[in-house]
Amino acid sequence: MNIYGRAQKNESEIEILSEATLVAEPSTLRDLASFLYRCADEIEDQGESWEHEHFECGDVVSLQFVVFHPDIFKA
């Protein structure tokens, strides 16, 4: 597993992160967990026809959290 990210001050470059910190309410963490389970199921069910999915958390200002199929993603 690799976690990639972009800095707020330089969104044009994507980098592998060595650490990620989530600060969220329990309900948001549960929503994220459900989202990740759904993505895993869809990757297994749909194979390479499934590319990626964006997590929608509903916060007014939120980061982009995207899950990509590991066989398709190229950094």
Protein backbone atom coordinates (compact mmCIF):
# COMPACT_ATOMS: atom_id res chain seq x y z
CA MET A 1 0.00 0.00 0.00
CA ASN A 2 1.24 3.47 -0.86
CA ILE A 3 -0.36 6.72 0.23
CA TYR A 4 0.12 9.63 -2.15
CA GLY A 5 -0.65 13.26 -1.54
CA ARG A 6 -0.29 16.83 -2.67
CA ALA A 7 0.79 19.77 -0.54
CA GLN A 8 -1.70 22.61 -0.26
CA LYS A 9 0.93 25.06 -1.43
CA ASN A 10 2.00 22.95 -4.45
CA GLU A 11 -0.93 20.90 -5.72
CA SER A 12 0.74 20.15 -9.05
CA GLU A 13 3.13 17.55 -7.59
CA ILE A 14 2.03 14.22 -6.20
CA GLU A 15 4.34 12.52 -3.70
CA ILE A 16 4.43 9.33 -1.67
CA LEU A 17 3.65 10.21 1.93
CA SER A 18 5.56 8.63 4.79
CA GLU A 19 2.81 9.46 7.28
CA ALA A 20 -0.81 10.56 7.15
CA THR A 21 -2.88 11.85 10.05
CA LEU A 22 -6.68 11.75 10.07
CA VAL A 23 -8.50 14.18 12.34
CA ALA A 24 -12.20 13.36 12.15
CA GLU A 25 -15.34 12.75 14.15
CA PRO A 26 -16.29 9.10 14.80
CA SER A 27 -19.17 9.30 12.32
CA THR A 28 -16.82 10.48 9.55
CA LEU A 29 -14.36 7.69 10.36
CA ARG A 30 -17.20 5.15 10.10
CA ASP A 31 -18.26 6.66 6.78
CA LEU A 32 -14.66 6.40 5.53
CA ALA A 33 -14.40 2.78 6.69
CA SER A 34 -17.63 1.92 4.83
CA PHE A 35 -16.32 3.72 1.74
CA LEU A 36 -13.07 1.72 1.82
CA TYR A 37 -14.94 -1.59 2.21
CA ARG A 38 -17.18 -0.66 -0.74
CA CYS A 39 -14.15 0.22 -2.87
CA ALA A 40 -12.47 -3.10 -2.02
CA ASP A 41 -15.63 -5.03 -2.95
CA GLU A 42 -15.99 -3.12 -6.23
CA ILE A 43 -12.32 -3.68 -7.19
CA GLU A 44 -12.78 -7.43 -6.64
CA ASP A 45 -16.14 -7.54 -8.44
CA GLN A 46 -15.35 -5.26 -11.39
CA GLY A 47 -11.63 -5.85 -11.90
CA GLU A 48 -9.81 -3.36 -14.08
CA SER A 49 -13.06 -1.79 -15.28
CA TRP A 50 -13.13 -0.09 -11.84
CA GLU A 51 -10.62 2.77 -11.83
CA HIS A 52 -11.17 5.10 -8.85
CA GLU A 53 -13.70 6.63 -6.50
CA HIS A 54 -13.81 9.90 -4.53
CA PHE A 55 -14.87 9.95 -0.87
CA GLU A 56 -17.51 12.59 -0.14
CA CYS A 57 -17.45 13.58 3.53
CA GLY A 58 -19.88 16.50 3.38
CA ASP A 59 -17.63 19.00 5.17
CA VAL A 60 -17.77 22.54 3.81
CA VAL A 61 -14.01 22.50 3.21
CA SER A 62 -12.50 19.06 2.84
CA LEU A 63 -9.57 17.37 1.20
CA GLN A 64 -9.83 15.10 -1.81
CA PHE A 65 -9.67 11.46 -0.66
CA VAL A 66 -9.45 9.16 -3.68
CA VAL A 67 -9.05 5.38 -3.89
CA PHE A 68 -7.47 4.04 -7.09
CA HIS A 69 -7.31 0.48 -8.40
CA PRO A 70 -3.72 -0.63 -7.64
CA ASP A 71 -3.22 -2.24 -11.07
CA ILE A 72 -4.25 0.97 -12.89
CA PHE A 73 -2.71 3.83 -10.89
CA LYS A 74 0.52 5.30 -12.23
CA ALA A 75 2.21 8.05 -10.18
